[in-house]
Amino acid sequence: MIVFRWGDSYIPMSKVKSGMEFSETAERAGFRDGDVLLYADGKEIIDRAGIVDNFAAQVIDAQTVTVLRSGQEINIPMPADFVQQLMRDKKGFAGYKDDVPTVVEKVQKGSEAEKIGLMKGDSLVGVNSVLTPTFQDFRSELKKNKGLRISIDFYREGVLQTASAQLDTTAVLGFNIASYLVTDHYTFFASFPAGVKYGIRTLKGYVSQFKHIFTKEGASSL
């Protein structure tokens, strides 16, 4: 049971205090650079390891998105055809504004990160010789290599080192960074309902992505 071994890791978007950088498509819908994503139809927006149940999927399916802007909560009514606009414009929705480096804060027990010897303070700077100066870059490279063995370049006490890691299908190594990532841990028995909920969220994420395939814009993007 994955959630029992490693816990459920995610980024509460409310913790990203400097907000996000939004595409032109998102700006037309009412978002502004620096907005902090809070709620989608009243539910907290989170970025769960950037897999399928990520912040963009939650926003796309919402009727109203609440953001924090200049200290005030603003409700943004979402266009009914927002996903079609995103597919047509092909500019994405939003990205992290901060250039947060991938510095290990805590390694989770039993995780791949522990197996390869990552330690608190390690600064991860590359995947398969591709430079990853920010946390977003690092996560992006992990997602490209789901289920594969990868090499990770990192600095420890100023010395560049390389480790080999085997990614599973979630592309999660099993560590927290200092800035945003939160991990909920469960007892063995509590992990079963948590695991079921994780599976449902994952399935809903896939449905959210694929239910738009049969639109004109969706068909052209395949």
N, C-alpha and C. Protein backbone atom coordinates (compact mmCIF):
# COMPACT_ATOMS: atom_id res chain seq x y z
N MET A 1 0.86 -1.20 0.00
CA MET A 1 0.00 0.00 0.00
C MET A 1 0.89 1.24 0.00
N ILE A 2 0.85 1.99 -1.08
CA ILE A 2 1.75 3.13 -1.24
C ILE A 2 1.57 4.16 -0.15
N VAL A 3 0.32 4.49 0.20
CA VAL A 3 0.12 5.55 1.18
C VAL A 3 0.59 5.14 2.56
N PHE A 4 0.64 3.81 2.83
CA PHE A 4 1.16 3.35 4.11
C PHE A 4 2.68 3.46 4.13
N ARG A 5 3.32 3.13 3.03
CA ARG A 5 4.77 3.14 2.98
C ARG A 5 5.33 4.55 2.96
N TRP A 6 4.77 5.40 2.13
CA TRP A 6 5.38 6.71 1.90
C TRP A 6 4.51 7.89 2.32
N GLY A 7 3.23 7.61 2.58
CA GLY A 7 2.33 8.72 2.88
C GLY A 7 1.80 9.34 1.61
N ASP A 8 0.98 10.34 1.78
CA ASP A 8 0.34 11.03 0.66
C ASP A 8 0.95 12.42 0.56
N SER A 9 1.78 12.66 -0.46
CA SER A 9 2.51 13.92 -0.58
C SER A 9 1.81 14.87 -1.54
N TYR A 10 1.74 16.13 -1.16
CA TYR A 10 1.07 17.11 -2.00
C TYR A 10 1.52 18.51 -1.59
N ILE A 11 1.22 19.47 -2.45
CA ILE A 11 1.52 20.87 -2.17
C ILE A 11 0.20 21.62 -2.00
N PRO A 12 -0.11 22.14 -0.82
CA PRO A 12 -1.27 23.02 -0.68
C PRO A 12 -0.97 24.33 -1.41
N MET A 13 -1.76 24.66 -2.41
CA MET A 13 -1.45 25.83 -3.22
C MET A 13 -1.50 27.12 -2.41
N SER A 14 -2.22 27.10 -1.29
CA SER A 14 -2.27 28.29 -0.44
C SER A 14 -0.92 28.62 0.18
N LYS A 15 0.00 27.62 0.19
CA LYS A 15 1.33 27.84 0.75
C LYS A 15 2.27 28.54 -0.24
N VAL A 16 1.87 28.58 -1.50
CA VAL A 16 2.71 29.22 -2.52
C VAL A 16 2.43 30.72 -2.45
N LYS A 17 3.04 31.37 -1.47
CA LYS A 17 2.66 32.73 -1.09
C LYS A 17 2.89 33.76 -2.19
N SER A 18 3.87 33.53 -3.05
CA SER A 18 4.13 34.51 -4.11
C SER A 18 3.23 34.28 -5.32
N GLY A 19 2.38 33.25 -5.23
CA GLY A 19 1.41 33.02 -6.30
C GLY A 19 1.98 32.32 -7.51
N MET A 20 1.21 32.35 -8.58
CA MET A 20 1.55 31.64 -9.80
C MET A 20 1.74 32.61 -10.96
N GLU A 21 2.38 32.12 -12.01
CA GLU A 21 2.45 32.84 -13.27
C GLU A 21 1.45 32.20 -14.23
N PHE A 22 0.57 32.99 -14.80
CA PHE A 22 -0.53 32.46 -15.60
C PHE A 22 -0.34 32.73 -17.09
N SER A 23 -0.87 31.82 -17.89
CA SER A 23 -0.81 31.98 -19.34
C SER A 23 -1.80 33.06 -19.78
N GLU A 24 -1.69 33.46 -21.04
CA GLU A 24 -2.62 34.45 -21.58
C GLU A 24 -4.05 33.93 -21.54
N THR A 25 -4.21 32.63 -21.77
CA THR A 25 -5.54 32.03 -21.72
C THR A 25 -6.15 32.17 -20.34
N ALA A 26 -5.35 31.88 -19.31
CA ALA A 26 -5.82 32.00 -17.93
C ALA A 26 -6.11 33.46 -17.58
N GLU A 27 -5.29 34.37 -18.08
CA GLU A 27 -5.51 35.79 -17.80
C GLU A 27 -6.83 36.28 -18.40
N ARG A 28 -7.17 35.78 -19.58
CA ARG A 28 -8.45 36.15 -20.19
C ARG A 28 -9.63 35.69 -19.33
N ALA A 29 -9.42 34.58 -18.61
CA ALA A 29 -10.48 34.06 -17.74
C ALA A 29 -10.60 34.85 -16.44
N GLY A 30 -9.58 35.69 -16.16
CA GLY A 30 -9.65 36.52 -14.96
C GLY A 30 -8.52 36.36 -13.98
N PHE A 31 -7.59 35.43 -14.25
CA PHE A 31 -6.44 35.24 -13.36
C PHE A 31 -5.39 36.31 -13.62
N ARG A 32 -4.60 36.61 -12.60
CA ARG A 32 -3.52 37.58 -12.71
C ARG A 32 -2.25 37.00 -12.09
N ASP A 33 -1.10 37.32 -12.70
CA ASP A 33 0.18 36.86 -12.13
C ASP A 33 0.26 37.27 -10.67
N GLY A 34 0.65 36.31 -9.83
CA GLY A 34 0.74 36.58 -8.40
C GLY A 34 -0.46 36.09 -7.62
N ASP A 35 -1.55 35.72 -8.32
CA ASP A 35 -2.71 35.16 -7.62
C ASP A 35 -2.31 33.86 -6.92
N VAL A 36 -2.78 33.70 -5.68
CA VAL A 36 -2.57 32.46 -4.93
C VAL A 36 -3.84 31.62 -5.06
N LEU A 37 -3.72 30.42 -5.62
CA LEU A 37 -4.88 29.55 -5.80
C LEU A 37 -5.33 28.98 -4.46
N LEU A 38 -6.59 29.18 -4.11
CA LEU A 38 -7.10 28.73 -2.82
C LEU A 38 -8.10 27.59 -2.95
N TYR A 39 -9.22 27.84 -3.64
CA TYR A 39 -10.31 26.87 -3.68
C TYR A 39 -10.88 26.72 -5.09
N ALA A 40 -11.31 25.51 -5.40
CA ALA A 40 -12.07 25.23 -6.61
C ALA A 40 -13.44 24.72 -6.17
N ASP A 41 -14.46 25.52 -6.42
CA ASP A 41 -15.81 25.21 -5.94
C ASP A 41 -15.82 24.91 -4.44
N GLY A 42 -15.06 25.69 -3.69
CA GLY A 42 -15.04 25.58 -2.24
C GLY A 42 -14.09 24.55 -1.68
N LYS A 43 -13.44 23.75 -2.53
CA LYS A 43 -12.51 22.73 -2.07
C LYS A 43 -11.08 23.23 -2.23
N GLU A 44 -10.24 22.96 -1.22
CA GLU A 44 -8.85 23.41 -1.25
C GLU A 44 -8.14 22.87 -2.49
N ILE A 45 -7.41 23.73 -3.18
CA ILE A 45 -6.65 23.32 -4.36
C ILE A 45 -5.28 22.83 -3.92
N ILE A 46 -4.93 21.63 -4.35
CA ILE A 46 -3.62 21.07 -4.02
C ILE A 46 -2.97 20.55 -5.30
N ASP A 47 -1.67 20.39 -5.25
CA ASP A 47 -0.91 19.82 -6.36
C ASP A 47 -0.31 18.52 -5.85
N ARG A 48 -0.92 17.40 -6.20
CA ARG A 48 -0.50 16.11 -5.66
C ARG A 48 0.58 15.51 -6.55
N ALA A 49 1.83 15.86 -6.25
CA ALA A 49 3.00 15.29 -6.94
C ALA A 49 2.95 15.46 -8.44
N GLY A 50 2.10 16.35 -8.91
CA GLY A 50 2.05 16.66 -10.33
C GLY A 50 1.65 15.51 -11.21
N ILE A 51 0.84 14.58 -10.70
CA ILE A 51 0.48 13.43 -11.52
C ILE A 51 -0.80 13.77 -12.28
N VAL A 52 -1.94 13.18 -11.91
CA VAL A 52 -3.16 13.48 -12.66
C VAL A 52 -4.09 14.38 -11.85
N ASP A 53 -4.05 14.25 -10.53
CA ASP A 53 -4.94 15.05 -9.70
C ASP A 53 -4.22 16.34 -9.32
N ASN A 54 -3.81 17.12 -10.32
CA ASN A 54 -3.03 18.31 -10.02
C ASN A 54 -3.90 19.55 -10.00
N PHE A 55 -3.29 20.69 -9.71
CA PHE A 55 -4.08 21.90 -9.54
C PHE A 55 -4.80 22.32 -10.82
N ALA A 56 -4.19 22.08 -11.97
CA ALA A 56 -4.82 22.49 -13.23
C ALA A 56 -6.11 21.71 -13.47
N ALA A 57 -6.09 20.39 -13.19
CA ALA A 57 -7.29 19.58 -13.40
C ALA A 57 -8.42 20.04 -12.50
N GLN A 58 -8.08 20.42 -11.26
CA GLN A 58 -9.12 20.89 -10.34
C GLN A 58 -9.72 22.20 -10.81
N VAL A 59 -8.90 23.09 -11.33
CA VAL A 59 -9.38 24.38 -11.82
C VAL A 59 -10.24 24.20 -13.06
N ILE A 60 -9.81 23.34 -13.97
CA ILE A 60 -10.53 23.13 -15.22
C ILE A 60 -11.96 22.65 -14.97
N ASP A 61 -12.14 21.79 -13.96
CA ASP A 61 -13.45 21.22 -13.69
C ASP A 61 -14.34 22.12 -12.83
N ALA A 62 -13.81 23.23 -12.34
CA ALA A 62 -14.55 24.07 -11.40
C ALA A 62 -15.45 25.08 -12.11
N GLN A 63 -16.50 25.49 -11.42
CA GLN A 63 -17.33 26.58 -11.90
C GLN A 63 -16.84 27.92 -11.36
N THR A 64 -16.29 27.87 -10.13
CA THR A 64 -15.76 29.08 -9.50
C THR A 64 -14.43 28.76 -8.83
N VAL A 65 -13.43 29.59 -9.06
CA VAL A 65 -12.11 29.43 -8.43
C VAL A 65 -11.85 30.65 -7.55
N THR A 66 -11.44 30.39 -6.32
CA THR A 66 -11.14 31.47 -5.38
C THR A 66 -9.63 31.65 -5.28
N VAL A 67 -9.17 32.89 -5.45
CA VAL A 67 -7.74 33.20 -5.35
C VAL A 67 -7.54 34.28 -4.30
N LEU A 68 -6.32 34.36 -3.82
CA LEU A 68 -5.93 35.45 -2.93
C LEU A 68 -5.15 36.45 -3.75
N ARG A 69 -5.64 37.69 -3.81
CA ARG A 69 -5.01 38.73 -4.63
C ARG A 69 -4.89 40.01 -3.79
N SER A 70 -3.65 40.42 -3.56
CA SER A 70 -3.41 41.64 -2.77
C SER A 70 -4.11 41.59 -1.42
N GLY A 71 -4.08 40.40 -0.81
CA GLY A 71 -4.65 40.24 0.52
C GLY A 71 -6.14 40.02 0.57
N GLN A 72 -6.80 39.99 -0.59
CA GLN A 72 -8.25 39.80 -0.63
C GLN A 72 -8.60 38.55 -1.41
N GLU A 73 -9.63 37.83 -0.94
CA GLU A 73 -10.11 36.66 -1.67
C GLU A 73 -11.02 37.11 -2.81
N ILE A 74 -10.71 36.63 -4.01
CA ILE A 74 -11.46 36.99 -5.21
C ILE A 74 -12.04 35.71 -5.81
N ASN A 75 -13.32 35.73 -6.16
CA ASN A 75 -13.96 34.60 -6.83
C ASN A 75 -13.95 34.83 -8.34
N ILE A 76 -13.41 33.87 -9.07
CA ILE A 76 -13.34 33.96 -10.53
C ILE A 76 -14.30 32.94 -11.13
N PRO A 77 -15.35 33.39 -11.83
CA PRO A 77 -16.25 32.46 -12.52
C PRO A 77 -15.55 31.88 -13.74
N MET A 78 -15.51 30.57 -13.84
CA MET A 78 -14.76 29.93 -14.91
C MET A 78 -15.60 29.84 -16.19
N PRO A 79 -14.99 30.15 -17.34
CA PRO A 79 -15.71 30.01 -18.61
C PRO A 79 -16.09 28.55 -18.84
N ALA A 80 -17.27 28.32 -19.38
CA ALA A 80 -17.74 26.95 -19.62
C ALA A 80 -16.84 26.21 -20.61
N ASP A 81 -16.20 26.96 -21.50
CA ASP A 81 -15.35 26.34 -22.53
C ASP A 81 -13.86 26.52 -22.23
N PHE A 82 -13.52 26.62 -20.94
CA PHE A 82 -12.13 26.93 -20.58
C PHE A 82 -11.16 25.86 -21.07
N VAL A 83 -11.53 24.59 -20.93
CA VAL A 83 -10.63 23.53 -21.36
C VAL A 83 -10.42 23.58 -22.87
N GLN A 84 -11.47 23.93 -23.61
CA GLN A 84 -11.33 24.06 -25.06
C GLN A 84 -10.40 25.22 -25.41
N GLN A 85 -10.49 26.31 -24.64
CA GLN A 85 -9.59 27.44 -24.86
C GLN A 85 -8.13 27.03 -24.62
N LEU A 86 -7.90 26.26 -23.55
CA LEU A 86 -6.54 25.80 -23.25
C LEU A 86 -6.00 24.92 -24.37
N MET A 87 -6.84 24.01 -24.86
CA MET A 87 -6.41 23.12 -25.93
C MET A 87 -6.14 23.89 -27.22
N ARG A 88 -6.97 24.88 -27.49
CA ARG A 88 -6.81 25.66 -28.72
C ARG A 88 -5.54 26.51 -28.68
N ASP A 89 -5.33 27.19 -27.53
CA ASP A 89 -4.20 28.11 -27.43
C ASP A 89 -2.88 27.40 -27.19
N LYS A 90 -2.93 26.22 -26.55
CA LYS A 90 -1.74 25.41 -26.28
C LYS A 90 -0.66 26.18 -25.53
N LYS A 91 -1.08 26.99 -24.57
CA LYS A 91 -0.13 27.77 -23.77
C LYS A 91 -0.14 27.36 -22.30
N GLY A 92 -0.90 26.30 -21.98
CA GLY A 92 -0.96 25.84 -20.61
C GLY A 92 -1.82 26.74 -19.74
N PHE A 93 -1.83 26.42 -18.44
CA PHE A 93 -2.64 27.19 -17.50
C PHE A 93 -1.77 28.09 -16.62
N ALA A 94 -0.87 27.49 -15.84
CA ALA A 94 -0.06 28.29 -14.92
C ALA A 94 1.16 27.50 -14.47
N GLY A 95 2.13 28.21 -13.95
CA GLY A 95 3.33 27.59 -13.40
C GLY A 95 3.73 28.28 -12.12
N TYR A 96 4.60 27.63 -11.37
CA TYR A 96 5.07 28.22 -10.13
C TYR A 96 5.89 29.48 -10.42
N LYS A 97 5.61 30.53 -9.69
CA LYS A 97 6.32 31.79 -9.88
C LYS A 97 7.69 31.74 -9.23
N ASP A 98 7.78 31.08 -8.10
CA ASP A 98 9.05 30.99 -7.39
C ASP A 98 10.04 30.10 -8.13
N ASP A 99 11.30 30.49 -8.13
CA ASP A 99 12.36 29.62 -8.61
C ASP A 99 12.90 28.82 -7.42
N VAL A 100 12.08 27.90 -6.93
CA VAL A 100 12.42 27.14 -5.72
C VAL A 100 13.39 26.02 -6.08
N PRO A 101 14.54 25.96 -5.46
CA PRO A 101 15.47 24.85 -5.72
C PRO A 101 14.98 23.58 -5.04
N THR A 102 15.44 22.44 -5.53
CA THR A 102 15.04 21.15 -4.96
C THR A 102 16.03 20.76 -3.87
N VAL A 103 15.79 21.25 -2.67
CA VAL A 103 16.65 20.95 -1.53
C VAL A 103 15.89 20.03 -0.59
N VAL A 104 16.46 18.87 -0.29
CA VAL A 104 15.79 17.87 0.53
C VAL A 104 15.66 18.35 1.97
N GLU A 105 14.45 18.30 2.49
CA GLU A 105 14.19 18.63 3.89
C GLU A 105 14.04 17.36 4.73
N LYS A 106 13.33 16.36 4.17
CA LYS A 106 13.10 15.12 4.91
C LYS A 106 12.95 13.96 3.94
N VAL A 107 13.62 12.85 4.24
CA VAL A 107 13.52 11.64 3.43
C VAL A 107 12.54 10.68 4.10
N GLN A 108 11.60 10.17 3.34
CA GLN A 108 10.58 9.29 3.89
C GLN A 108 11.08 7.85 3.99
N LYS A 109 10.79 7.21 5.12
CA LYS A 109 11.27 5.86 5.38
C LYS A 109 10.72 4.87 4.35
N GLY A 110 11.59 3.98 3.88
CA GLY A 110 11.20 2.96 2.93
C GLY A 110 11.07 3.44 1.51
N SER A 111 11.35 4.71 1.27
CA SER A 111 11.19 5.28 -0.07
C SER A 111 12.42 5.02 -0.93
N GLU A 112 12.29 5.28 -2.22
CA GLU A 112 13.43 5.16 -3.12
C GLU A 112 14.50 6.18 -2.77
N ALA A 113 14.08 7.35 -2.30
CA ALA A 113 15.05 8.37 -1.88
C ALA A 113 15.93 7.87 -0.75
N GLU A 114 15.34 7.12 0.19
CA GLU A 114 16.13 6.56 1.28
C GLU A 114 17.06 5.47 0.77
N LYS A 115 16.56 4.64 -0.15
CA LYS A 115 17.36 3.54 -0.68
C LYS A 115 18.62 4.03 -1.39
N ILE A 116 18.53 5.16 -2.09
CA ILE A 116 19.69 5.65 -2.83
C ILE A 116 20.57 6.57 -1.99
N GLY A 117 20.15 6.80 -0.74
CA GLY A 117 21.01 7.53 0.19
C GLY A 117 20.86 9.03 0.22
N LEU A 118 19.76 9.57 -0.29
CA LEU A 118 19.56 11.02 -0.20
C LEU A 118 19.44 11.45 1.26
N MET A 119 19.94 12.64 1.55
CA MET A 119 19.95 13.15 2.92
C MET A 119 19.44 14.58 2.97
N LYS A 120 19.01 14.99 4.15
CA LYS A 120 18.58 16.36 4.36
C LYS A 120 19.71 17.32 3.96
N GLY A 121 19.36 18.34 3.18
CA GLY A 121 20.34 19.32 2.73
C GLY A 121 20.87 19.06 1.34
N ASP A 122 20.64 17.85 0.80
CA ASP A 122 21.07 17.57 -0.57
C ASP A 122 20.32 18.49 -1.54
N SER A 123 21.04 19.06 -2.49
CA SER A 123 20.45 19.94 -3.50
C SER A 123 20.44 19.21 -4.84
N LEU A 124 19.26 18.82 -5.31
CA LEU A 124 19.14 18.03 -6.53
C LEU A 124 19.11 18.95 -7.74
N VAL A 125 20.06 18.75 -8.65
CA VAL A 125 20.25 19.73 -9.73
C VAL A 125 20.14 19.14 -11.13
N GLY A 126 19.94 17.82 -11.25
CA GLY A 126 19.87 17.24 -12.58
C GLY A 126 19.26 15.85 -12.61
N VAL A 127 18.62 15.51 -13.73
CA VAL A 127 18.07 14.18 -13.96
C VAL A 127 18.53 13.72 -15.33
N ASN A 128 19.24 12.59 -15.37
CA ASN A 128 19.76 12.07 -16.64
C ASN A 128 20.56 13.12 -17.40
N SER A 129 21.37 13.86 -16.66
CA SER A 129 22.25 14.91 -17.20
C SER A 129 21.49 16.14 -17.71
N VAL A 130 20.18 16.19 -17.48
CA VAL A 130 19.39 17.39 -17.81
C VAL A 130 19.36 18.28 -16.57
N LEU A 131 19.79 19.53 -16.72
CA LEU A 131 19.83 20.44 -15.58
C LEU A 131 18.41 20.76 -15.10
N THR A 132 18.23 20.74 -13.78
CA THR A 132 16.92 21.05 -13.17
C THR A 132 17.13 22.09 -12.08
N PRO A 133 17.27 23.36 -12.45
CA PRO A 133 17.57 24.40 -11.46
C PRO A 133 16.44 24.69 -10.49
N THR A 134 15.19 24.34 -10.86
CA THR A 134 14.06 24.60 -9.97
C THR A 134 13.33 23.31 -9.65
N PHE A 135 12.51 23.36 -8.60
CA PHE A 135 11.69 22.21 -8.20
C PHE A 135 10.75 21.80 -9.32
N GLN A 136 10.20 22.79 -10.01
CA GLN A 136 9.29 22.49 -11.12
C GLN A 136 10.02 21.75 -12.23
N ASP A 137 11.25 22.17 -12.54
CA ASP A 137 12.05 21.49 -13.56
C ASP A 137 12.33 20.04 -13.15
N PHE A 138 12.67 19.85 -11.87
CA PHE A 138 13.00 18.52 -11.38
C PHE A 138 11.79 17.59 -11.48
N ARG A 139 10.65 18.06 -11.05
CA ARG A 139 9.44 17.24 -11.10
C ARG A 139 9.06 16.92 -12.54
N SER A 140 9.26 17.87 -13.43
CA SER A 140 8.93 17.66 -14.84
C SER A 140 9.77 16.53 -15.42
N GLU A 141 11.06 16.50 -15.09
CA GLU A 141 11.93 15.44 -15.60
C GLU A 141 11.58 14.09 -15.01
N LEU A 142 11.18 14.07 -13.73
CA LEU A 142 10.75 12.80 -13.13
C LEU A 142 9.54 12.25 -13.86
N LYS A 143 8.57 13.11 -14.16
CA LYS A 143 7.36 12.66 -14.83
C LYS A 143 7.65 12.10 -16.22
N LYS A 144 8.67 12.63 -16.87
CA LYS A 144 9.04 12.13 -18.20
C LYS A 144 9.62 10.73 -18.14
N ASN A 145 10.05 10.31 -16.94
CA ASN A 145 10.76 9.04 -16.80
C ASN A 145 10.06 8.06 -15.87
N LYS A 146 8.73 8.13 -15.81
CA LYS A 146 7.97 7.22 -14.95
C LYS A 146 8.32 5.77 -15.25
N GLY A 147 8.58 4.99 -14.20
CA GLY A 147 8.85 3.57 -14.35
C GLY A 147 10.23 3.23 -14.85
N LEU A 148 11.08 4.23 -15.03
CA LEU A 148 12.42 4.00 -15.58
C LEU A 148 13.49 4.22 -14.52
N ARG A 149 14.67 3.69 -14.80
CA ARG A 149 15.82 3.98 -13.94
C ARG A 149 16.48 5.27 -14.42
N ILE A 150 16.78 6.14 -13.49
CA ILE A 150 17.34 7.45 -13.83
C ILE A 150 18.60 7.72 -13.02
N SER A 151 19.37 8.69 -13.48
CA SER A 151 20.49 9.19 -12.68
C SER A 151 20.12 10.56 -12.15
N ILE A 152 20.50 10.83 -10.91
CA ILE A 152 20.20 12.10 -10.26
C ILE A 152 21.50 12.76 -9.84
N ASP A 153 21.70 13.99 -10.30
CA ASP A 153 22.87 14.77 -9.90
C ASP A 153 22.48 15.67 -8.73
N PHE A 154 23.31 15.69 -7.70
CA PHE A 154 23.01 16.52 -6.54
C PHE A 154 24.29 16.98 -5.85
N TYR A 155 24.16 18.10 -5.17
CA TYR A 155 25.27 18.63 -4.39
C TYR A 155 25.08 18.29 -2.92
N ARG A 156 26.14 17.79 -2.29
CA ARG A 156 26.16 17.54 -0.85
C ARG A 156 27.43 18.17 -0.28
N GLU A 157 27.22 19.18 0.55
CA GLU A 157 28.33 19.92 1.15
C GLU A 157 29.28 20.44 0.07
N GLY A 158 28.69 20.93 -1.03
CA GLY A 158 29.46 21.56 -2.09
C GLY A 158 30.10 20.62 -3.09
N VAL A 159 29.90 19.31 -2.90
CA VAL A 159 30.50 18.32 -3.80
C VAL A 159 29.41 17.71 -4.68
N LEU A 160 29.62 17.74 -6.01
CA LEU A 160 28.65 17.18 -6.94
C LEU A 160 28.73 15.66 -6.93
N GLN A 161 27.58 15.01 -6.74
CA GLN A 161 27.51 13.56 -6.73
C GLN A 161 26.39 13.09 -7.65
N THR A 162 26.41 11.79 -7.97
CA THR A 162 25.38 11.20 -8.81
C THR A 162 24.89 9.91 -8.19
N ALA A 163 23.57 9.70 -8.22
CA ALA A 163 22.97 8.47 -7.71
C ALA A 163 22.01 7.92 -8.76
N SER A 164 21.83 6.60 -8.73
CA SER A 164 20.90 5.94 -9.65
C SER A 164 19.64 5.58 -8.89
N ALA A 165 18.47 5.89 -9.46
CA ALA A 165 17.20 5.63 -8.79
C ALA A 165 16.23 4.96 -9.75
N GLN A 166 15.39 4.08 -9.20
CA GLN A 166 14.34 3.43 -9.97
C GLN A 166 13.01 4.10 -9.67
N LEU A 167 12.41 4.74 -10.67
CA LEU A 167 11.12 5.38 -10.47
C LEU A 167 9.99 4.37 -10.66
N ASP A 168 8.93 4.52 -9.86
CA ASP A 168 7.74 3.72 -10.10
C ASP A 168 6.80 4.51 -11.02
N THR A 169 5.59 4.04 -11.16
CA THR A 169 4.67 4.69 -12.11
C THR A 169 4.15 6.03 -11.62
N THR A 170 4.38 6.36 -10.34
CA THR A 170 3.96 7.67 -9.83
C THR A 170 5.06 8.71 -9.96
N ALA A 171 6.28 8.27 -10.28
CA ALA A 171 7.44 9.17 -10.41
C ALA A 171 7.72 9.92 -9.12
N VAL A 172 7.43 9.30 -7.97
CA VAL A 172 7.68 9.91 -6.67
C VAL A 172 8.87 9.23 -6.02
N LEU A 173 9.88 10.01 -5.65
CA LEU A 173 11.06 9.45 -5.00
C LEU A 173 10.85 9.23 -3.51
N GLY A 174 10.06 10.10 -2.88
CA GLY A 174 9.79 9.94 -1.46
C GLY A 174 10.60 10.86 -0.56
N PHE A 175 10.55 12.16 -0.84
CA PHE A 175 11.20 13.12 0.05
C PHE A 175 10.41 14.42 0.02
N ASN A 176 10.59 15.23 1.05
CA ASN A 176 9.97 16.55 1.12
C ASN A 176 11.01 17.61 0.86
N ILE A 177 10.60 18.69 0.21
CA ILE A 177 11.49 19.84 0.11
C ILE A 177 11.09 20.85 1.18
N ALA A 178 11.98 21.76 1.46
CA ALA A 178 11.79 22.67 2.59
C ALA A 178 10.62 23.61 2.40
N SER A 179 10.29 23.97 1.18
CA SER A 179 9.37 25.07 0.96
C SER A 179 7.89 24.72 1.08
N TYR A 180 7.41 23.75 0.28
CA TYR A 180 5.97 23.59 0.14
C TYR A 180 5.43 22.21 0.50
N LEU A 181 6.15 21.15 0.17
CA LEU A 181 5.57 19.82 0.16
C LEU A 181 5.13 19.37 1.55
N VAL A 182 3.93 18.80 1.61
CA VAL A 182 3.36 18.26 2.84
C VAL A 182 3.11 16.78 2.64
N THR A 183 3.36 15.97 3.66
CA THR A 183 3.11 14.54 3.58
C THR A 183 2.21 14.10 4.73
N ASP A 184 1.06 13.50 4.40
CA ASP A 184 0.19 12.91 5.41
C ASP A 184 0.56 11.45 5.56
N HIS A 185 0.82 11.02 6.80
CA HIS A 185 1.16 9.62 7.07
C HIS A 185 -0.02 8.91 7.72
N TYR A 186 -0.16 7.61 7.46
CA TYR A 186 -1.29 6.84 7.94
C TYR A 186 -0.80 5.59 8.66
N THR A 187 -1.61 5.10 9.62
CA THR A 187 -1.35 3.79 10.20
C THR A 187 -1.67 2.75 9.14
N PHE A 188 -1.29 1.49 9.40
CA PHE A 188 -1.50 0.44 8.42
C PHE A 188 -2.97 0.34 8.02
N PHE A 189 -3.87 0.29 9.02
CA PHE A 189 -5.28 0.11 8.70
C PHE A 189 -5.89 1.36 8.09
N ALA A 190 -5.45 2.52 8.55
CA ALA A 190 -5.97 3.77 7.98
C ALA A 190 -5.52 3.96 6.55
N SER A 191 -4.42 3.27 6.17
CA SER A 191 -3.91 3.44 4.81
C SER A 191 -4.83 2.82 3.77
N PHE A 192 -5.66 1.85 4.17
CA PHE A 192 -6.54 1.21 3.19
C PHE A 192 -7.60 2.17 2.66
N PRO A 193 -8.41 2.82 3.53
CA PRO A 193 -9.34 3.81 2.97
C PRO A 193 -8.63 4.97 2.31
N ALA A 194 -7.45 5.35 2.82
CA ALA A 194 -6.69 6.43 2.18
C ALA A 194 -6.26 6.01 0.78
N GLY A 195 -5.86 4.74 0.66
CA GLY A 195 -5.45 4.23 -0.65
C GLY A 195 -6.59 4.19 -1.63
N VAL A 196 -7.77 3.82 -1.14
CA VAL A 196 -8.96 3.81 -2.00
C VAL A 196 -9.27 5.21 -2.48
N LYS A 197 -9.20 6.19 -1.56
CA LYS A 197 -9.46 7.58 -1.94
C LYS A 197 -8.44 8.05 -2.97
N TYR A 198 -7.16 7.64 -2.79
CA TYR A 198 -6.12 8.03 -3.75
C TYR A 198 -6.44 7.46 -5.12
N GLY A 199 -6.90 6.19 -5.15
CA GLY A 199 -7.25 5.57 -6.42
C GLY A 199 -8.40 6.27 -7.09
N ILE A 200 -9.41 6.66 -6.30
CA ILE A 200 -10.56 7.37 -6.85
C ILE A 200 -10.13 8.72 -7.41
N ARG A 201 -9.27 9.43 -6.66
CA ARG A 201 -8.80 10.73 -7.14
C ARG A 201 -8.04 10.57 -8.44
N THR A 202 -7.22 9.51 -8.52
CA THR A 202 -6.44 9.27 -9.74
C THR A 202 -7.36 8.99 -10.92
N LEU A 203 -8.37 8.14 -10.69
CA LEU A 203 -9.32 7.82 -11.75
C LEU A 203 -10.07 9.07 -12.19
N LYS A 204 -10.51 9.88 -11.22
CA LYS A 204 -11.21 11.11 -11.56
C LYS A 204 -10.31 12.05 -12.34
N GLY A 205 -9.01 12.02 -12.02
CA GLY A 205 -8.07 12.86 -12.75
C GLY A 205 -7.97 12.43 -14.20
N TYR A 206 -7.92 11.09 -14.43
CA TYR A 206 -7.88 10.60 -15.80
C TYR A 206 -9.17 10.96 -16.54
N VAL A 207 -10.31 10.79 -15.87
CA VAL A 207 -11.59 11.13 -16.49
C VAL A 207 -11.63 12.61 -16.84
N SER A 208 -11.12 13.44 -15.92
CA SER A 208 -11.10 14.88 -16.15
C SER A 208 -10.32 15.21 -17.41
N GLN A 209 -9.21 14.49 -17.64
CA GLN A 209 -8.39 14.77 -18.80
C GLN A 209 -9.01 14.22 -20.08
N PHE A 210 -9.59 13.01 -19.99
CA PHE A 210 -10.00 12.33 -21.22
C PHE A 210 -11.46 12.58 -21.60
N LYS A 211 -12.26 13.16 -20.71
CA LYS A 211 -13.64 13.40 -21.07
C LYS A 211 -13.76 14.48 -22.14
N HIS A 212 -12.65 15.22 -22.36
CA HIS A 212 -12.67 16.30 -23.36
C HIS A 212 -12.12 15.85 -24.71
N ILE A 213 -11.74 14.57 -24.82
CA ILE A 213 -11.11 14.09 -26.05
C ILE A 213 -12.03 14.26 -27.25
N PHE A 214 -13.33 14.08 -27.04
CA PHE A 214 -14.25 14.07 -28.17
C PHE A 214 -14.76 15.45 -28.54
N THR A 215 -14.21 16.49 -27.92
CA THR A 215 -14.46 17.84 -28.42
C THR A 215 -13.60 18.05 -29.65
N LYS A 216 -13.93 19.04 -30.46
CA LYS A 216 -13.15 19.33 -31.66
C LYS A 216 -11.70 19.61 -31.30
N GLU A 217 -11.51 20.43 -30.24
CA GLU A 217 -10.15 20.78 -29.84
C GLU A 217 -9.43 19.57 -29.27
N GLY A 218 -10.17 18.73 -28.52
CA GLY A 218 -9.55 17.55 -27.92
C GLY A 218 -9.07 16.58 -28.97
N ALA A 219 -9.87 16.36 -30.00
CA ALA A 219 -9.49 15.43 -31.05
C ALA A 219 -8.25 15.89 -31.78
N SER A 220 -8.12 17.19 -31.98
CA SER A 220 -6.97 17.71 -32.73
C SER A 220 -5.70 17.69 -31.91
N SER A 221 -5.82 17.49 -30.58
CA SER A 221 -4.63 17.52 -29.74
C SER A 221 -4.03 16.15 -29.54
N LEU A 222 -4.69 15.08 -30.04
CA LEU A 222 -4.18 13.73 -29.84
C LEU A 222 -3.05 13.41 -30.80
